[in-house]
Amino acid sequence: MAEKYPRDRFDDIPDGLQRVGAHRAPRPKGRGWIAVGWAALAVVVLVAAGIFGLSLVSGSISFHGSTNSPTGTPTPTATPTPTIVPTVDPSLTVNVLNGTTTSGLGGKVGDTLTKAGWKVGAVANADKQDLTQTIVYYSDPKNQAAALGVAQSLPGATIALTQDFAASGADLTVVVGSDYKG
């Protein structure tokens, strides 16, 4: 049986006191954000360490210096660009579209190309009549030299690779703009 001790001053709890035990004080406001802050900091540190570790493993970061130059950075070497020589290929068909309001300009350009050795196919008006630049379009990269040859026959013309005129049946298509001075 438990021994009964006499009552003393510690056994009497004042009526206005709401606490139960000395360690149960009310928590200060904002105290929960400290834990969230530490958790966020831990996530940032772990993600940064993971990215750095993966960069090292994949080889995108290297700690080995280059001996090519005194500063340790590699010296870039120039890659030779192949030179495309303009050619005249009479086996290719060239369509001519007039993109200006000048009547008969497409026919004149067609005649100029025929005299230069090109086989001219269709000559027609373009969908738009306000084009300012004369462009030779080619759809197959192997025809780039021929497109340069057509552009050389038409002063001021440029070339462009596109599939827009691939279904026309011609190898090259010239769209004449208002800059043409033939």
Foldseek 3Di string as FASTA:
>chain_A
DDDDDDDDPVVDDDPPDPDDDDPDDDDDPPPVVVVVVVVVVVVVVVVVVVVVVVCVVVVVDDPDFDPCDPVRDDDDDDDDDDDQAADADQVFEEEEAEQAPDPPPQVVLVVLSVVVRHHYDHGYHDPHHAFAAKEKEAADVVCPNPRVNSCVSFPRYYYDHDCPCVPVPGRIYIYDHPNTDD
